[in-house]
Amino acid sequence: MAKGIVTFHLKRFWEYPDGRTVDLYEEIKAGRKTSEFRDWTDYWVDRLYRRTRDKNNPYIPILRPKVKRAWFVVGYPKGNLPRLEADIKNIVVHSDENGYAEQVEIQLENVVEVTE
């Protein structure tokens, strides 16, 4: 995997509580889905950020984004093809009412499909 790229493995169809179904791959491809959300876990923090320490307070980590591109594939295809590639416009952390991080939003732009 190239540096600065994070791969998201999608479930092709997403069902809303009201019964509507949406094709996530096609929604991203068409530009209607411009953000991808993930839970704020150590797994996603490690994939999206580089951790450093402040010289004045080594107990507080400083998080800096380490990815600039996102790949989206349905399931786990051989060679990650076909896929959507997108630039990461911004990474936003969403917190609960107590200020604790709950989710990370990866905002996308310039989405293109790669088939070969």
Protein backbone atom coordinates (compact mmCIF):
# COMPACT_ATOMS: atom_id res chain seq x y z
CA MET A 1 0.00 0.00 0.00
CA ALA A 2 1.30 3.41 -0.95
CA LYS A 3 1.95 5.96 1.75
CA GLY A 4 -0.74 8.53 2.38
CA ILE A 5 -3.60 6.27 1.21
CA VAL A 6 -6.30 4.67 3.36
CA THR A 7 -8.58 1.94 2.01
CA PHE A 8 -12.23 1.69 3.02
CA HIS A 9 -13.94 -1.64 2.46
CA LEU A 10 -17.62 -0.99 1.84
CA LYS A 11 -20.69 -3.11 2.18
CA ARG A 12 -22.33 -2.59 -1.22
CA PHE A 13 -25.85 -1.85 0.02
CA TRP A 14 -26.79 0.05 3.15
CA GLU A 15 -30.26 -0.26 4.62
CA TYR A 16 -31.76 2.64 6.55
CA PRO A 17 -34.06 1.97 9.53
CA ASP A 18 -37.06 2.99 7.40
CA GLY A 19 -36.29 0.20 4.92
CA ARG A 20 -34.73 2.29 2.12
CA THR A 21 -31.62 0.76 0.56
CA VAL A 22 -28.75 2.70 -0.97
CA ASP A 23 -25.74 1.54 -3.04
CA LEU A 24 -22.81 3.19 -1.21
CA TYR A 25 -20.30 2.68 -4.04
CA GLU A 26 -22.59 4.34 -6.59
CA GLU A 27 -23.46 7.18 -4.17
CA ILE A 28 -19.76 8.03 -3.72
CA LYS A 29 -19.10 7.66 -7.45
CA ALA A 30 -21.99 10.02 -8.33
CA GLY A 31 -20.81 12.61 -5.77
CA ARG A 32 -23.93 12.38 -3.59
CA LYS A 33 -22.00 10.88 -0.66
CA THR A 34 -19.14 13.25 0.09
CA SER A 35 -18.15 12.02 3.56
CA GLU A 36 -17.28 8.68 5.11
CA PHE A 37 -17.79 8.17 8.85
CA ARG A 38 -15.97 5.78 11.16
CA ASP A 39 -16.08 5.28 14.93
CA TRP A 40 -13.31 6.98 16.89
CA THR A 41 -11.27 3.92 17.85
CA ASP A 42 -7.54 3.28 18.19
CA TYR A 43 -7.73 1.32 14.93
CA TRP A 44 -9.01 4.31 12.91
CA VAL A 45 -6.85 6.85 14.76
CA ASP A 46 -3.75 4.81 13.86
CA ARG A 47 -4.84 4.50 10.21
CA LEU A 48 -5.62 8.21 9.79
CA TYR A 49 -3.18 10.03 12.08
CA ARG A 50 0.49 10.21 13.01
CA ARG A 51 0.95 10.53 16.77
CA THR A 52 3.68 12.78 18.16
CA ARG A 53 4.36 14.13 21.64
CA ASP A 54 4.53 17.70 22.84
CA LYS A 55 7.98 18.49 24.32
CA ASN A 56 6.37 20.47 27.16
CA ASN A 57 3.76 17.84 28.01
CA PRO A 58 4.72 14.34 26.82
CA TYR A 59 1.47 12.86 28.17
CA ILE A 60 -0.72 14.62 25.60
CA PRO A 61 -0.42 13.20 22.08
CA ILE A 62 -0.57 15.47 19.06
CA LEU A 63 -2.45 13.97 16.12
CA ARG A 64 -1.53 14.99 12.58
CA PRO A 65 -3.29 13.55 9.52
CA LYS A 66 -1.06 11.13 7.61
CA VAL A 67 -3.38 10.32 4.70
CA LYS A 68 -4.27 12.42 1.67
CA ARG A 69 -6.09 9.88 -0.53
CA ALA A 70 -8.89 7.40 0.06
CA TRP A 71 -9.70 4.23 -1.85
CA PHE A 72 -13.16 2.67 -1.69
CA VAL A 73 -13.73 -0.96 -2.65
CA VAL A 74 -16.72 -3.24 -2.25
CA GLY A 75 -15.75 -6.16 -0.04
CA TYR A 76 -12.21 -7.49 -0.46
CA PRO A 77 -11.57 -7.78 -4.23
CA LYS A 78 -8.30 -9.12 -5.59
CA GLY A 79 -5.98 -6.23 -6.38
CA ASN A 80 -8.49 -3.70 -4.95
CA LEU A 81 -10.17 -3.33 -8.38
CA PRO A 82 -12.53 -1.83 -9.29
CA ARG A 83 -12.21 1.02 -6.80
CA LEU A 84 -13.00 4.65 -6.28
CA GLU A 85 -10.14 7.01 -5.50
CA ALA A 86 -10.69 10.38 -3.83
CA ASP A 87 -8.72 13.22 -2.33
CA ILE A 88 -9.28 13.76 1.38
CA LYS A 89 -10.47 17.32 1.72
CA ASN A 90 -10.67 17.35 5.51
CA ILE A 91 -10.85 15.08 8.56
CA VAL A 92 -13.32 16.20 11.23
CA VAL A 93 -13.68 14.70 14.70
CA HIS A 94 -17.22 14.69 16.12
CA SER A 95 -17.57 14.68 19.91
CA ASP A 96 -20.37 13.89 22.33
CA GLU A 97 -21.87 16.44 24.74
CA ASN A 98 -18.99 15.81 27.21
CA GLY A 99 -16.30 16.56 24.65
CA TYR A 100 -15.23 12.94 24.08
CA ALA A 101 -14.51 11.99 20.48
CA GLU A 102 -17.11 9.61 19.04
CA GLN A 103 -16.72 9.62 15.27
CA VAL A 104 -14.32 10.77 12.61
CA GLU A 105 -15.66 12.19 9.34
CA ILE A 106 -13.48 11.93 6.24
CA GLN A 107 -14.61 14.57 3.74
CA LEU A 108 -13.96 13.71 0.10
CA GLU A 109 -13.47 15.49 -3.21
CA ASN A 110 -12.32 14.67 -6.78
CA VAL A 111 -13.69 11.12 -6.86
CA VAL A 112 -12.67 8.96 -9.85
CA GLU A 113 -13.28 5.28 -10.63
CA VAL A 114 -10.29 3.04 -11.42
CA THR A 115 -11.09 -0.23 -13.22
CA GLU A 116 -7.72 -1.43 -14.53
